[in-house]
Amino acid sequence: MTSDLIIIKAKVKDFSEGLSVGTDVPYELDKLVKLVMKRAVERAKANGRRTVMAKDL
């Protein structure tokens, strides 16, 4: 597990509606976010844009 998370662990816990959050959840969620963003960046570039837009997600 790395320390370069782009999500905020405390916000993940806040969003869990009072449930406990496993220590691995923020890291797995971070992996998903990075994958989605990587694909969005690739799509924006493929469309000749320098701006990632919601439609790229």
PDB file of N, CA and C in Angstrom:
ATOM      1  N   MET A   1       0.836  -1.179   0.000  1.00  0.00           N
ATOM      2  CA  MET A   1       0.000   0.000   0.000  1.00  0.00           C
ATOM      3  C   MET A   1       0.880   1.241   0.000  1.00  0.00           C
ATOM      4  N   THR A   2       0.554   2.144  -0.876  1.00  0.00           N
ATOM      5  CA  THR A   2       1.387   3.332  -0.998  1.00  0.00           C
ATOM      6  C   THR A   2       0.754   4.512  -0.291  1.00  0.00           C
ATOM      7  N   SER A   3       1.537   5.552  -0.091  1.00  0.00           N
ATOM      8  CA  SER A   3       1.035   6.735   0.598  1.00  0.00           C
ATOM      9  C   SER A   3       0.619   7.834  -0.375  1.00  0.00           C
ATOM     10  N   ASP A   4       0.603   7.561  -1.653  1.00  0.00           N
ATOM     11  CA  ASP A   4       0.246   8.583  -2.643  1.00  0.00           C
ATOM     12  C   ASP A   4      -1.226   8.486  -3.046  1.00  0.00           C
ATOM     13  N   LEU A   5      -2.096   8.381  -2.045  1.00  0.00           N
ATOM     14  CA  LEU A   5      -3.532   8.304  -2.292  1.00  0.00           C
ATOM     15  C   LEU A   5      -4.041   9.635  -2.856  1.00  0.00           C
ATOM     16  N   ILE A   6      -4.958   9.547  -3.811  1.00  0.00           N
ATOM     17  CA  ILE A   6      -5.572  10.770  -4.318  1.00  0.00           C
ATOM     18  C   ILE A   6      -6.972  10.959  -3.730  1.00  0.00           C
ATOM     19  N   ILE A   7      -7.373  10.003  -2.903  1.00  0.00           N
ATOM     20  CA  ILE A   7      -8.626  10.157  -2.178  1.00  0.00           C
ATOM     21  C   ILE A   7      -8.304  10.443  -0.718  1.00  0.00           C
ATOM     22  N   ILE A   8      -9.281  10.895   0.024  1.00  0.00           N
ATOM     23  CA  ILE A   8      -9.070  11.236   1.429  1.00  0.00           C
ATOM     24  C   ILE A   8      -9.738  10.166   2.291  1.00  0.00           C
ATOM     25  N   LYS A   9      -8.924   9.458   3.057  1.00  0.00           N
ATOM     26  CA  LYS A   9      -9.437   8.353   3.870  1.00  0.00           C
ATOM     27  C   LYS A   9     -10.562   8.800   4.795  1.00  0.00           C
ATOM     28  N   ALA A  10     -10.404   9.938   5.424  1.00  0.00           N
ATOM     29  CA  ALA A  10     -11.424  10.429   6.363  1.00  0.00           C
ATOM     30  C   ALA A  10     -12.749  10.681   5.660  1.00  0.00           C
ATOM     31  N   LYS A  11     -12.703  11.141   4.421  1.00  0.00           N
ATOM     32  CA  LYS A  11     -13.935  11.390   3.667  1.00  0.00           C
ATOM     33  C   LYS A  11     -14.624  10.082   3.305  1.00  0.00           C
ATOM     34  N   VAL A  12     -13.846   9.040   3.021  1.00  0.00           N
ATOM     35  CA  VAL A  12     -14.415   7.727   2.740  1.00  0.00           C
ATOM     36  C   VAL A  12     -15.158   7.231   3.981  1.00  0.00           C
ATOM     37  N   LYS A  13     -14.544   7.387   5.130  1.00  0.00           N
ATOM     38  CA  LYS A  13     -15.177   6.971   6.383  1.00  0.00           C
ATOM     39  C   LYS A  13     -16.432   7.793   6.640  1.00  0.00           C
ATOM     40  N   ASP A  14     -16.372   9.093   6.424  1.00  0.00           N
ATOM     41  CA  ASP A  14     -17.547   9.952   6.615  1.00  0.00           C
ATOM     42  C   ASP A  14     -18.702   9.511   5.723  1.00  0.00           C
ATOM     43  N   PHE A  15     -18.402   9.078   4.525  1.00  0.00           N
ATOM     44  CA  PHE A  15     -19.410   8.687   3.542  1.00  0.00           C
ATOM     45  C   PHE A  15     -20.046   7.333   3.853  1.00  0.00           C
ATOM     46  N   SER A  16     -19.448   6.570   4.755  1.00  0.00           N
ATOM     47  CA  SER A  16     -19.898   5.203   5.028  1.00  0.00           C
ATOM     48  C   SER A  16     -21.133   5.127   5.921  1.00  0.00           C
ATOM     49  N   GLU A  17     -21.744   6.246   6.226  1.00  0.00           N
ATOM     50  CA  GLU A  17     -22.993   6.298   6.998  1.00  0.00           C
ATOM     51  C   GLU A  17     -22.885   5.571   8.343  1.00  0.00           C
ATOM     52  N   GLY A  18     -21.783   5.797   9.037  1.00  0.00           N
ATOM     53  CA  GLY A  18     -21.612   5.237  10.369  1.00  0.00           C
ATOM     54  C   GLY A  18     -21.054   3.827  10.419  1.00  0.00           C
ATOM     55  N   LEU A  19     -20.892   3.188   9.274  1.00  0.00           N
ATOM     56  CA  LEU A  19     -20.313   1.852   9.257  1.00  0.00           C
ATOM     57  C   LEU A  19     -18.798   1.934   9.357  1.00  0.00           C
ATOM     58  N   SER A  20     -18.209   0.901   9.888  1.00  0.00           N
ATOM     59  CA  SER A  20     -16.752   0.823   9.912  1.00  0.00           C
ATOM     60  C   SER A  20     -16.256   0.587   8.492  1.00  0.00           C
ATOM     61  N   VAL A  21     -15.067   1.080   8.216  1.00  0.00           N
ATOM     62  CA  VAL A  21     -14.470   0.925   6.893  1.00  0.00           C
ATOM     63  C   VAL A  21     -13.167   0.156   7.052  1.00  0.00           C
ATOM     64  N   GLY A  22     -13.051  -0.949   6.328  1.00  0.00           N
ATOM     65  CA  GLY A  22     -11.826  -1.747   6.385  1.00  0.00           C
ATOM     66  C   GLY A  22     -10.624  -0.926   5.949  1.00  0.00           C
ATOM     67  N   THR A  23      -9.482  -1.241   6.506  1.00  0.00           N
ATOM     68  CA  THR A  23      -8.275  -0.470   6.196  1.00  0.00           C
ATOM     69  C   THR A  23      -7.888  -0.550   4.728  1.00  0.00           C
ATOM     70  N   ASP A  24      -8.328  -1.612   4.038  1.00  0.00           N
ATOM     71  CA  ASP A  24      -7.968  -1.768   2.631  1.00  0.00           C
ATOM     72  C   ASP A  24      -8.914  -1.035   1.685  1.00  0.00           C
ATOM     73  N   VAL A  25     -10.070  -0.617   2.176  1.00  0.00           N
ATOM     74  CA  VAL A  25     -11.064   0.028   1.310  1.00  0.00           C
ATOM     75  C   VAL A  25     -10.535   1.298   0.636  1.00  0.00           C
ATOM     76  N   PRO A  26      -9.936   2.237   1.376  1.00  0.00           N
ATOM     77  CA  PRO A  26      -9.438   3.442   0.705  1.00  0.00           C
ATOM     78  C   PRO A  26      -8.417   3.140  -0.389  1.00  0.00           C
ATOM     79  N   TYR A  27      -7.602   2.144  -0.183  1.00  0.00           N
ATOM     80  CA  TYR A  27      -6.577   1.799  -1.171  1.00  0.00           C
ATOM     81  C   TYR A  27      -7.184   1.192  -2.433  1.00  0.00           C
ATOM     82  N   GLU A  28      -8.182   0.329  -2.256  1.00  0.00           N
ATOM     83  CA  GLU A  28      -8.859  -0.261  -3.414  1.00  0.00           C
ATOM     84  C   GLU A  28      -9.672   0.793  -4.158  1.00  0.00           C
ATOM     85  N   LEU A  29     -10.326   1.673  -3.417  1.00  0.00           N
ATOM     86  CA  LEU A  29     -11.065   2.770  -4.033  1.00  0.00           C
ATOM     87  C   LEU A  29     -10.124   3.682  -4.802  1.00  0.00           C
ATOM     88  N   ASP A  30      -8.960   3.935  -4.242  1.00  0.00           N
ATOM     89  CA  ASP A  30      -7.953   4.754  -4.906  1.00  0.00           C
ATOM     90  C   ASP A  30      -7.522   4.138  -6.232  1.00  0.00           C
ATOM     91  N   LYS A  31      -7.357   2.815  -6.244  1.00  0.00           N
ATOM     92  CA  LYS A  31      -6.992   2.120  -7.489  1.00  0.00           C
ATOM     93  C   LYS A  31      -8.054   2.335  -8.558  1.00  0.00           C
ATOM     94  N   LEU A  32      -9.325   2.234  -8.158  1.00  0.00           N
ATOM     95  CA  LEU A  32     -10.428   2.426  -9.109  1.00  0.00           C
ATOM     96  C   LEU A  32     -10.452   3.849  -9.659  1.00  0.00           C
ATOM     97  N   VAL A  33     -10.270   4.819  -8.771  1.00  0.00           N
ATOM     98  CA  VAL A  33     -10.278   6.225  -9.198  1.00  0.00           C
ATOM     99  C   VAL A  33      -9.137   6.481 -10.179  1.00  0.00           C
ATOM    100  N   LYS A  34      -7.971   5.958  -9.876  1.00  0.00           N
ATOM    101  CA  LYS A  34      -6.823   6.153 -10.768  1.00  0.00           C
ATOM    102  C   LYS A  34      -7.051   5.495 -12.119  1.00  0.00           C
ATOM    103  N   LEU A  35      -7.675   4.320 -12.144  1.00  0.00           N
ATOM    104  CA  LEU A  35      -7.973   3.646 -13.399  1.00  0.00           C
ATOM    105  C   LEU A  35      -8.958   4.461 -14.232  1.00  0.00           C
ATOM    106  N   VAL A  36     -10.008   4.953 -13.599  1.00  0.00           N
ATOM    107  CA  VAL A  36     -11.000   5.769 -14.305  1.00  0.00           C
ATOM    108  C   VAL A  36     -10.353   7.036 -14.855  1.00  0.00           C
ATOM    109  N   MET A  37      -9.511   7.680 -14.053  1.00  0.00           N
ATOM    110  CA  MET A  37      -8.847   8.904 -14.502  1.00  0.00           C
ATOM    111  C   MET A  37      -7.858   8.631 -15.628  1.00  0.00           C
ATOM    112  N   LYS A  38      -7.145   7.521 -15.547  1.00  0.00           N
ATOM    113  CA  LYS A  38      -6.196   7.178 -16.610  1.00  0.00           C
ATOM    114  C   LYS A  38      -6.930   7.019 -17.938  1.00  0.00           C
ATOM    115  N   ARG A  39      -8.059   6.315 -17.902  1.00  0.00           N
ATOM    116  CA  ARG A  39      -8.860   6.131 -19.120  1.00  0.00           C
ATOM    117  C   ARG A  39      -9.417   7.465 -19.618  1.00  0.00           C
ATOM    118  N   ALA A  40      -9.823   8.324 -18.701  1.00  0.00           N
ATOM    119  CA  ALA A  40     -10.366   9.628 -19.080  1.00  0.00           C
ATOM    120  C   ALA A  40      -9.293  10.498 -19.737  1.00  0.00           C
ATOM    121  N   VAL A  41      -8.089  10.460 -19.201  1.00  0.00           N
ATOM    122  CA  VAL A  41      -6.981  11.220 -19.783  1.00  0.00           C
ATOM    123  C   VAL A  41      -6.688  10.706 -21.192  1.00  0.00           C
ATOM    124  N   GLU A  42      -6.648   9.396 -21.345  1.00  0.00           N
ATOM    125  CA  GLU A  42      -6.395   8.809 -22.669  1.00  0.00           C
ATOM    126  C   GLU A  42      -7.476   9.224 -23.664  1.00  0.00           C
ATOM    127  N   ARG A  43      -8.727   9.235 -23.218  1.00  0.00           N
ATOM    128  CA  ARG A  43      -9.829   9.613 -24.107  1.00  0.00           C
ATOM    129  C   ARG A  43      -9.727  11.080 -24.513  1.00  0.00           C
ATOM    130  N   ALA A  44      -9.405  11.944 -23.555  1.00  0.00           N
ATOM    131  CA  ALA A  44      -9.267  13.368 -23.860  1.00  0.00           C
ATOM    132  C   ALA A  44      -8.148  13.584 -24.878  1.00  0.00           C
ATOM    133  N   LYS A  45      -7.023  12.921 -24.662  1.00  0.00           N
ATOM    134  CA  LYS A  45      -5.901  13.039 -25.602  1.00  0.00           C
ATOM    135  C   LYS A  45      -6.286  12.521 -26.982  1.00  0.00           C
ATOM    136  N   ALA A  46      -6.990  11.391 -27.018  1.00  0.00           N
ATOM    137  CA  ALA A  46      -7.398  10.798 -28.298  1.00  0.00           C
ATOM    138  C   ALA A  46      -8.339  11.723 -29.065  1.00  0.00           C
ATOM    139  N   ASN A  47      -9.064  12.559 -28.343  1.00  0.00           N
ATOM    140  CA  ASN A  47      -9.977  13.504 -28.965  1.00  0.00           C
ATOM    141  C   ASN A  47      -9.328  14.866 -29.194  1.00  0.00           C
ATOM    142  N   GLY A  48      -8.013  14.930 -29.035  1.00  0.00           N
ATOM    143  CA  GLY A  48      -7.269  16.152 -29.310  1.00  0.00           C
ATOM    144  C   GLY A  48      -7.496  17.269 -28.307  1.00  0.00           C
ATOM    145  N   ARG A  49      -7.922  16.908 -27.100  1.00  0.00           N
ATOM    146  CA  ARG A  49      -8.150  17.923 -26.069  1.00  0.00           C
ATOM    147  C   ARG A  49      -7.076  17.866 -25.000  1.00  0.00           C
ATOM    148  N   ARG A  50      -6.880  18.989 -24.353  1.00  0.00           N
ATOM    149  CA  ARG A  50      -5.963  19.058 -23.217  1.00  0.00           C
ATOM    150  C   ARG A  50      -6.729  19.214 -21.917  1.00  0.00           C
ATOM    151  N   THR A  51      -8.038  19.032 -21.974  1.00  0.00           N
ATOM    152  CA  THR A  51      -8.894  19.143 -20.812  1.00  0.00           C
ATOM    153  C   THR A  51      -9.673  17.848 -20.641  1.00  0.00           C
ATOM    154  N   VAL A  52      -9.593  17.270 -19.458  1.00  0.00           N
ATOM    155  CA  VAL A  52     -10.389  16.085 -19.156  1.00  0.00           C
ATOM    156  C   VAL A  52     -11.763  16.591 -18.736  1.00  0.00           C
ATOM    157  N   MET A  53     -12.793  16.040 -19.359  1.00  0.00           N
ATOM    158  CA  MET A  53     -14.171  16.468 -19.073  1.00  0.00           C
ATOM    159  C   MET A  53     -14.962  15.307 -18.482  1.00  0.00           C
ATOM    160  N   ALA A  54     -16.088  15.622 -17.881  1.00  0.00           N
ATOM    161  CA  ALA A  54     -16.934  14.594 -17.267  1.00  0.00           C
ATOM    162  C   ALA A  54     -17.299  13.519 -18.281  1.00  0.00           C
ATOM    163  N   LYS A  55     -17.499  13.926 -19.522  1.00  0.00           N
ATOM    164  CA  LYS A  55     -17.874  12.938 -20.546  1.00  0.00           C
ATOM    165  C   LYS A  55     -16.755  11.925 -20.821  1.00  0.00           C
ATOM    166  N   ASP A  56     -15.536  12.225 -20.422  1.00  0.00           N
ATOM    167  CA  ASP A  56     -14.426  11.293 -20.591  1.00  0.00           C
ATOM    168  C   ASP A  56     -14.458  10.177 -19.536  1.00  0.00           C
ATOM    169  N   LEU A  57     -15.160  10.420 -18.459  1.00  0.00           N
ATOM    170  CA  LEU A  57     -15.244   9.423 -17.402  1.00  0.00           C
ATOM    171  C   LEU A  57     -16.124   8.268 -17.827  1.00  0.00           C
TER     172      LEU A  57
END
